[in-house]
Amino acid sequence: RASPAPPRVSLTMEASVPVCLPDESAVTALDRARAAGWGMCVVVNQARVVQGRVTVAMDVPSGAAVEDLMEPGPATVRAHEDLADALGRMAKRRVATLLVTTPEGVLLGALRSQ
């Protein structure tokens, strides 16, 4: 008899993640992220493919667009990956949040360390 599969990232990921478009106002996007209790907004294109992220800790000049401030290439993980391995990677790299994406880069949610 096979042992049960280990828990996967999809088990504890949060599907409701604040997103913003590159041409959106950075102030508006980050205010929305703060109101939702997040420290960042995930920058996606129209197909929800991850482009980068902006964080609420950033100094946001008046009139700046998200694309002017975004950090490209945020850390990602796949939903089917082993949860313990993902949490271990996060601890080792001192990363509080991993974005969960499909192999094509479409945003599914986020895994947050507790």
C-alpha atoms as a PDB file:
ATOM      1  CA  ARG A   1       0.000   0.000   0.000  1.00  0.00           C
ATOM      2  CA  ALA A   2       1.429   3.376  -1.017  1.00  0.00           C
ATOM      3  CA  SER A   3       1.994   6.034   1.601  1.00  0.00           C
ATOM      4  CA  PRO A   4      -0.072   9.203   1.241  1.00  0.00           C
ATOM      5  CA  ALA A   5       1.405  11.945  -0.909  1.00  0.00           C
ATOM      6  CA  PRO A   6       3.021  14.808   1.016  1.00  0.00           C
ATOM      7  CA  PRO A   7       1.060  18.066   1.237  1.00  0.00           C
ATOM      8  CA  ARG A   8       1.347  20.274  -1.843  1.00  0.00           C
ATOM      9  CA  VAL A   9       1.671  24.044  -2.150  1.00  0.00           C
ATOM     10  CA  SER A  10      -1.888  24.198  -3.510  1.00  0.00           C
ATOM     11  CA  LEU A  11      -3.163  23.050  -0.098  1.00  0.00           C
ATOM     12  CA  THR A  12      -2.217  26.281   1.695  1.00  0.00           C
ATOM     13  CA  MET A  13      -1.741  28.872  -1.034  1.00  0.00           C
ATOM     14  CA  GLU A  14      -3.902  31.977  -0.950  1.00  0.00           C
ATOM     15  CA  ALA A  15      -5.734  32.431  -4.237  1.00  0.00           C
ATOM     16  CA  SER A  16      -6.767  36.024  -3.553  1.00  0.00           C
ATOM     17  CA  VAL A  17      -3.644  38.086  -4.239  1.00  0.00           C
ATOM     18  CA  PRO A  18      -3.681  41.811  -5.089  1.00  0.00           C
ATOM     19  CA  VAL A  19      -2.789  42.312  -8.749  1.00  0.00           C
ATOM     20  CA  CYS A  20      -2.077  45.389 -10.809  1.00  0.00           C
ATOM     21  CA  LEU A  21      -1.338  46.212 -14.421  1.00  0.00           C
ATOM     22  CA  PRO A  22       1.952  47.801 -15.530  1.00  0.00           C
ATOM     23  CA  ASP A  23       0.320  51.059 -16.680  1.00  0.00           C
ATOM     24  CA  GLU A  24      -1.721  51.504 -13.487  1.00  0.00           C
ATOM     25  CA  SER A  25      -0.951  54.215 -10.925  1.00  0.00           C
ATOM     26  CA  ALA A  26       1.535  52.830  -8.378  1.00  0.00           C
ATOM     27  CA  VAL A  27      -0.120  54.784  -5.554  1.00  0.00           C
ATOM     28  CA  THR A  28      -3.533  53.295  -6.379  1.00  0.00           C
ATOM     29  CA  ALA A  29      -2.152  49.748  -6.711  1.00  0.00           C
ATOM     30  CA  LEU A  30      -0.251  49.865  -3.427  1.00  0.00           C
ATOM     31  CA  ASP A  31      -3.160  51.441  -1.548  1.00  0.00           C
ATOM     32  CA  ARG A  32      -5.298  48.512  -2.755  1.00  0.00           C
ATOM     33  CA  ALA A  33      -2.649  45.994  -1.611  1.00  0.00           C
ATOM     34  CA  ARG A  34      -2.410  47.630   1.843  1.00  0.00           C
ATOM     35  CA  ALA A  35      -6.194  47.620   2.213  1.00  0.00           C
ATOM     36  CA  ALA A  36      -6.199  43.881   1.453  1.00  0.00           C
ATOM     37  CA  GLY A  37      -3.544  43.244   4.108  1.00  0.00           C
ATOM     38  CA  TRP A  38      -0.671  42.543   1.715  1.00  0.00           C
ATOM     39  CA  GLY A  39       2.783  44.088   1.512  1.00  0.00           C
ATOM     40  CA  MET A  40       2.886  43.853  -2.267  1.00  0.00           C
ATOM     41  CA  CYS A  41       0.929  43.918  -5.476  1.00  0.00           C
ATOM     42  CA  VAL A  42       1.709  41.370  -8.204  1.00  0.00           C
ATOM     43  CA  VAL A  43       2.188  42.968 -11.612  1.00  0.00           C
ATOM     44  CA  VAL A  44       0.432  40.923 -14.300  1.00  0.00           C
ATOM     45  CA  ASN A  45      -0.454  41.426 -17.945  1.00  0.00           C
ATOM     46  CA  GLN A  46      -3.975  41.035 -19.371  1.00  0.00           C
ATOM     47  CA  ALA A  47      -3.541  37.207 -19.400  1.00  0.00           C
ATOM     48  CA  ARG A  48      -2.519  37.211 -15.667  1.00  0.00           C
ATOM     49  CA  VAL A  49       1.079  36.284 -16.557  1.00  0.00           C
ATOM     50  CA  VAL A  50       3.376  37.560 -13.810  1.00  0.00           C
ATOM     51  CA  GLN A  51       5.578  40.476 -14.889  1.00  0.00           C
ATOM     52  CA  GLY A  52       6.974  41.511 -11.500  1.00  0.00           C
ATOM     53  CA  ARG A  53       5.885  43.019  -8.211  1.00  0.00           C
ATOM     54  CA  VAL A  54       5.745  46.300  -6.346  1.00  0.00           C
ATOM     55  CA  THR A  55       5.967  46.509  -2.554  1.00  0.00           C
ATOM     56  CA  VAL A  56       4.320  48.878  -0.112  1.00  0.00           C
ATOM     57  CA  ALA A  57       7.741  49.683   1.379  1.00  0.00           C
ATOM     58  CA  MET A  58       8.778  51.439  -1.851  1.00  0.00           C
ATOM     59  CA  ASP A  59       9.137  55.192  -2.079  1.00  0.00           C
ATOM     60  CA  VAL A  60       6.462  56.018  -4.653  1.00  0.00           C
ATOM     61  CA  PRO A  61       6.856  59.294  -6.526  1.00  0.00           C
ATOM     62  CA  SER A  62       3.618  61.094  -7.355  1.00  0.00           C
ATOM     63  CA  GLY A  63       2.331  60.091 -10.782  1.00  0.00           C
ATOM     64  CA  ALA A  64       4.535  56.967 -11.072  1.00  0.00           C
ATOM     65  CA  ALA A  65       3.150  53.979 -12.952  1.00  0.00           C
ATOM     66  CA  VAL A  66       3.551  50.442 -11.617  1.00  0.00           C
ATOM     67  CA  GLU A  67       5.965  49.565 -14.464  1.00  0.00           C
ATOM     68  CA  ASP A  68       8.284  52.414 -13.381  1.00  0.00           C
ATOM     69  CA  LEU A  69       8.788  50.807  -9.965  1.00  0.00           C
ATOM     70  CA  MET A  70       8.241  47.082 -10.422  1.00  0.00           C
ATOM     71  CA  GLU A  71      10.857  44.521  -9.475  1.00  0.00           C
ATOM     72  CA  PRO A  72      10.996  41.959 -12.302  1.00  0.00           C
ATOM     73  CA  GLY A  73      11.354  38.210 -11.769  1.00  0.00           C
ATOM     74  CA  PRO A  74       9.779  37.559  -8.356  1.00  0.00           C
ATOM     75  CA  ALA A  75      10.295  34.123  -6.788  1.00  0.00           C
ATOM     76  CA  THR A  76       7.713  31.562  -7.901  1.00  0.00           C
ATOM     77  CA  VAL A  77       6.671  28.004  -7.139  1.00  0.00           C
ATOM     78  CA  ARG A  78       4.264  25.551  -8.803  1.00  0.00           C
ATOM     79  CA  ALA A  79       1.030  24.454  -7.091  1.00  0.00           C
ATOM     80  CA  HIS A  80       1.942  20.744  -7.295  1.00  0.00           C
ATOM     81  CA  GLU A  81       5.298  21.148  -5.511  1.00  0.00           C
ATOM     82  CA  ASP A  82       5.929  19.690  -2.055  1.00  0.00           C
ATOM     83  CA  LEU A  83       4.800  22.182   0.603  1.00  0.00           C
ATOM     84  CA  ALA A  84       7.599  21.371   3.067  1.00  0.00           C
ATOM     85  CA  ASP A  85      10.238  21.848   0.350  1.00  0.00           C
ATOM     86  CA  ALA A  86       8.749  25.209  -0.674  1.00  0.00           C
ATOM     87  CA  LEU A  87       8.587  26.438   2.939  1.00  0.00           C
ATOM     88  CA  GLY A  88      12.179  25.269   3.470  1.00  0.00           C
ATOM     89  CA  ARG A  89      13.344  27.231   0.411  1.00  0.00           C
ATOM     90  CA  MET A  90      11.515  30.306   1.680  1.00  0.00           C
ATOM     91  CA  ALA A  91      13.209  30.065   5.094  1.00  0.00           C
ATOM     92  CA  LYS A  92      16.653  29.489   3.559  1.00  0.00           C
ATOM     93  CA  ARG A  93      16.306  32.486   1.223  1.00  0.00           C
ATOM     94  CA  ARG A  94      14.503  34.625   3.818  1.00  0.00           C
ATOM     95  CA  VAL A  95      11.555  35.108   1.466  1.00  0.00           C
ATOM     96  CA  ALA A  96       8.162  35.761   3.081  1.00  0.00           C
ATOM     97  CA  THR A  97       6.063  35.137  -0.044  1.00  0.00           C
ATOM     98  CA  LEU A  98       6.358  32.881  -3.077  1.00  0.00           C
ATOM     99  CA  LEU A  99       4.041  33.457  -6.003  1.00  0.00           C
ATOM    100  CA  VAL A 100       2.293  30.306  -7.236  1.00  0.00           C
ATOM    101  CA  THR A 101       2.160  30.134 -11.024  1.00  0.00           C
ATOM    102  CA  THR A 102       1.510  27.709 -13.846  1.00  0.00           C
ATOM    103  CA  PRO A 103       4.520  26.655 -15.968  1.00  0.00           C
ATOM    104  CA  GLU A 104       3.472  29.460 -18.368  1.00  0.00           C
ATOM    105  CA  GLY A 105       3.736  32.042 -15.583  1.00  0.00           C
ATOM    106  CA  VAL A 106      -0.004  32.585 -15.008  1.00  0.00           C
ATOM    107  CA  LEU A 107      -0.670  33.666 -11.419  1.00  0.00           C
ATOM    108  CA  LEU A 108      -2.635  31.145  -9.322  1.00  0.00           C
ATOM    109  CA  GLY A 109      -2.009  32.623  -5.870  1.00  0.00           C
ATOM    110  CA  ALA A 110       0.695  33.033  -3.236  1.00  0.00           C
ATOM    111  CA  LEU A 111       2.294  30.994  -0.486  1.00  0.00           C
ATOM    112  CA  ARG A 112       3.041  33.067   2.606  1.00  0.00           C
ATOM    113  CA  SER A 113       5.245  31.955   5.486  1.00  0.00           C
ATOM    114  CA  GLN A 114       3.532  32.243   8.854  1.00  0.00           C
END
